[in-house]
Amino acid sequence: MRERLKEVAVVGERFEIRPLLAALSAAEGRVAVLFLSENAGAGGQTDDPLNLAALETVLHGGWAFRLNPVEMPAKDSAAALLRF
């Protein structure tokens, strides 16, 4: 996974590692793939911004994955591969 993300960075695709901006991008329909850490958010509450980001990503045709923290592409609770 990390190797693929390094390749993405090299070819100029957009990658967001700041959780709040990843969530805002999801709401705008800009997230192609969202990665969430298993320990992210407020226990899966529906009003949790990262849970909403996952929903928005899927509703806009993207993919959302929950990963073990050591598998995260960035050392934060969320990361997103952006469409544009």
C-alpha atoms as a PDB file:
ATOM      1  CA  MET A   1       0.000   0.000   0.000  1.00  0.00           C
ATOM      2  CA  ARG A   2       2.694   2.498   0.979  1.00  0.00           C
ATOM      3  CA  GLU A   3       4.649   1.713  -2.183  1.00  0.00           C
ATOM      4  CA  ARG A   4       1.589   2.456  -4.323  1.00  0.00           C
ATOM      5  CA  LEU A   5       1.078   5.755  -2.516  1.00  0.00           C
ATOM      6  CA  LYS A   6       4.688   6.702  -3.192  1.00  0.00           C
ATOM      7  CA  GLU A   7       4.050   5.971  -6.875  1.00  0.00           C
ATOM      8  CA  VAL A   8       0.934   8.148  -6.749  1.00  0.00           C
ATOM      9  CA  ALA A   9       2.926  11.029  -5.303  1.00  0.00           C
ATOM     10  CA  VAL A  10       5.516  10.677  -8.051  1.00  0.00           C
ATOM     11  CA  VAL A  11       3.000  10.895 -10.886  1.00  0.00           C
ATOM     12  CA  GLY A  12       1.379  13.991  -9.389  1.00  0.00           C
ATOM     13  CA  GLU A  13      -1.906  12.611  -8.119  1.00  0.00           C
ATOM     14  CA  ARG A  14      -3.271  14.363  -5.037  1.00  0.00           C
ATOM     15  CA  PHE A  15      -3.003  12.887  -1.572  1.00  0.00           C
ATOM     16  CA  GLU A  16      -4.398  14.497   1.615  1.00  0.00           C
ATOM     17  CA  ILE A  17      -3.072  13.418   5.015  1.00  0.00           C
ATOM     18  CA  ARG A  18      -4.770  16.032   7.187  1.00  0.00           C
ATOM     19  CA  PRO A  19      -7.938  14.396   8.579  1.00  0.00           C
ATOM     20  CA  LEU A  20     -10.113  17.525   8.586  1.00  0.00           C
ATOM     21  CA  LEU A  21      -9.215  18.412   5.003  1.00  0.00           C
ATOM     22  CA  ALA A  22      -9.734  14.795   3.943  1.00  0.00           C
ATOM     23  CA  ALA A  23     -13.230  14.960   5.488  1.00  0.00           C
ATOM     24  CA  LEU A  24     -14.010  18.257   3.749  1.00  0.00           C
ATOM     25  CA  SER A  25     -12.780  16.849   0.448  1.00  0.00           C
ATOM     26  CA  ALA A  26     -15.049  13.834   0.906  1.00  0.00           C
ATOM     27  CA  ALA A  27     -18.050  16.098   1.403  1.00  0.00           C
ATOM     28  CA  GLU A  28     -17.137  17.837  -1.879  1.00  0.00           C
ATOM     29  CA  GLY A  29     -16.974  14.498  -3.719  1.00  0.00           C
ATOM     30  CA  ARG A  30     -13.235  14.815  -4.331  1.00  0.00           C
ATOM     31  CA  VAL A  31     -12.080  11.630  -2.537  1.00  0.00           C
ATOM     32  CA  ALA A  32     -11.445   8.535  -4.656  1.00  0.00           C
ATOM     33  CA  VAL A  33     -10.042   6.439  -1.781  1.00  0.00           C
ATOM     34  CA  LEU A  34     -10.283   7.171   1.945  1.00  0.00           C
ATOM     35  CA  PHE A  35      -8.127   5.405   4.526  1.00  0.00           C
ATOM     36  CA  LEU A  36      -9.223   5.518   8.171  1.00  0.00           C
ATOM     37  CA  SER A  37      -7.279   4.187  11.110  1.00  0.00           C
ATOM     38  CA  GLU A  38      -9.095   1.593  13.223  1.00  0.00           C
ATOM     39  CA  ASN A  39      -8.638   3.829  16.267  1.00  0.00           C
ATOM     40  CA  ALA A  40      -9.899   6.977  14.521  1.00  0.00           C
ATOM     41  CA  GLY A  41     -13.005   8.879  15.414  1.00  0.00           C
ATOM     42  CA  ALA A  42     -15.523   8.675  18.201  1.00  0.00           C
ATOM     43  CA  GLY A  43     -16.364   4.987  18.251  1.00  0.00           C
ATOM     44  CA  GLY A  44     -18.384   4.889  15.041  1.00  0.00           C
ATOM     45  CA  GLN A  45     -20.945   7.504  16.046  1.00  0.00           C
ATOM     46  CA  THR A  46     -22.915   8.661  13.011  1.00  0.00           C
ATOM     47  CA  ASP A  47     -22.038  12.325  13.594  1.00  0.00           C
ATOM     48  CA  ASP A  48     -18.299  11.637  13.785  1.00  0.00           C
ATOM     49  CA  PRO A  49     -16.619  13.683  10.978  1.00  0.00           C
ATOM     50  CA  LEU A  50     -14.486  10.739   9.852  1.00  0.00           C
ATOM     51  CA  ASN A  51     -17.479   8.399   9.742  1.00  0.00           C
ATOM     52  CA  LEU A  52     -19.315  11.011   7.695  1.00  0.00           C
ATOM     53  CA  ALA A  53     -16.260  11.315   5.438  1.00  0.00           C
ATOM     54  CA  ALA A  54     -16.407   7.555   4.791  1.00  0.00           C
ATOM     55  CA  LEU A  55     -20.109   7.788   3.951  1.00  0.00           C
ATOM     56  CA  GLU A  56     -19.581  10.787   1.663  1.00  0.00           C
ATOM     57  CA  THR A  57     -16.723   9.031  -0.098  1.00  0.00           C
ATOM     58  CA  VAL A  58     -18.852   5.968  -0.853  1.00  0.00           C
ATOM     59  CA  LEU A  59     -21.897   8.044  -1.821  1.00  0.00           C
ATOM     60  CA  HIS A  60     -19.748   9.890  -4.359  1.00  0.00           C
ATOM     61  CA  GLY A  61     -18.492   6.629  -5.882  1.00  0.00           C
ATOM     62  CA  GLY A  62     -15.239   6.291  -3.938  1.00  0.00           C
ATOM     63  CA  TRP A  63     -13.840   3.602  -1.682  1.00  0.00           C
ATOM     64  CA  ALA A  64     -13.332   3.749   2.093  1.00  0.00           C
ATOM     65  CA  PHE A  65     -11.058   1.424   4.039  1.00  0.00           C
ATOM     66  CA  ARG A  66     -10.448   0.990   7.774  1.00  0.00           C
ATOM     67  CA  LEU A  67      -6.837  -0.013   8.407  1.00  0.00           C
ATOM     68  CA  ASN A  68      -4.698  -1.068  11.326  1.00  0.00           C
ATOM     69  CA  PRO A  69      -2.731   2.025  12.443  1.00  0.00           C
ATOM     70  CA  VAL A  70       0.584   0.471  11.338  1.00  0.00           C
ATOM     71  CA  GLU A  71      -0.840  -0.026   7.825  1.00  0.00           C
ATOM     72  CA  MET A  72      -1.907   3.605   7.423  1.00  0.00           C
ATOM     73  CA  PRO A  73      -0.209   5.414   4.545  1.00  0.00           C
ATOM     74  CA  ALA A  74       0.344   8.402   6.834  1.00  0.00           C
ATOM     75  CA  LYS A  75       0.845   8.636  10.583  1.00  0.00           C
ATOM     76  CA  ASP A  76      -2.585  10.109  11.240  1.00  0.00           C
ATOM     77  CA  SER A  77      -6.192   8.998  11.661  1.00  0.00           C
ATOM     78  CA  ALA A  78      -7.198   9.589   8.021  1.00  0.00           C
ATOM     79  CA  ALA A  79      -5.688   9.959   4.593  1.00  0.00           C
ATOM     80  CA  ALA A  80      -7.311  10.416   1.210  1.00  0.00           C
ATOM     81  CA  LEU A  81      -6.391   9.926  -2.408  1.00  0.00           C
ATOM     82  CA  LEU A  82      -8.142  12.766  -4.212  1.00  0.00           C
ATOM     83  CA  ARG A  83      -9.734  12.704  -7.647  1.00  0.00           C
ATOM     84  CA  PHE A  84      -8.891  16.338  -8.313  1.00  0.00           C
END
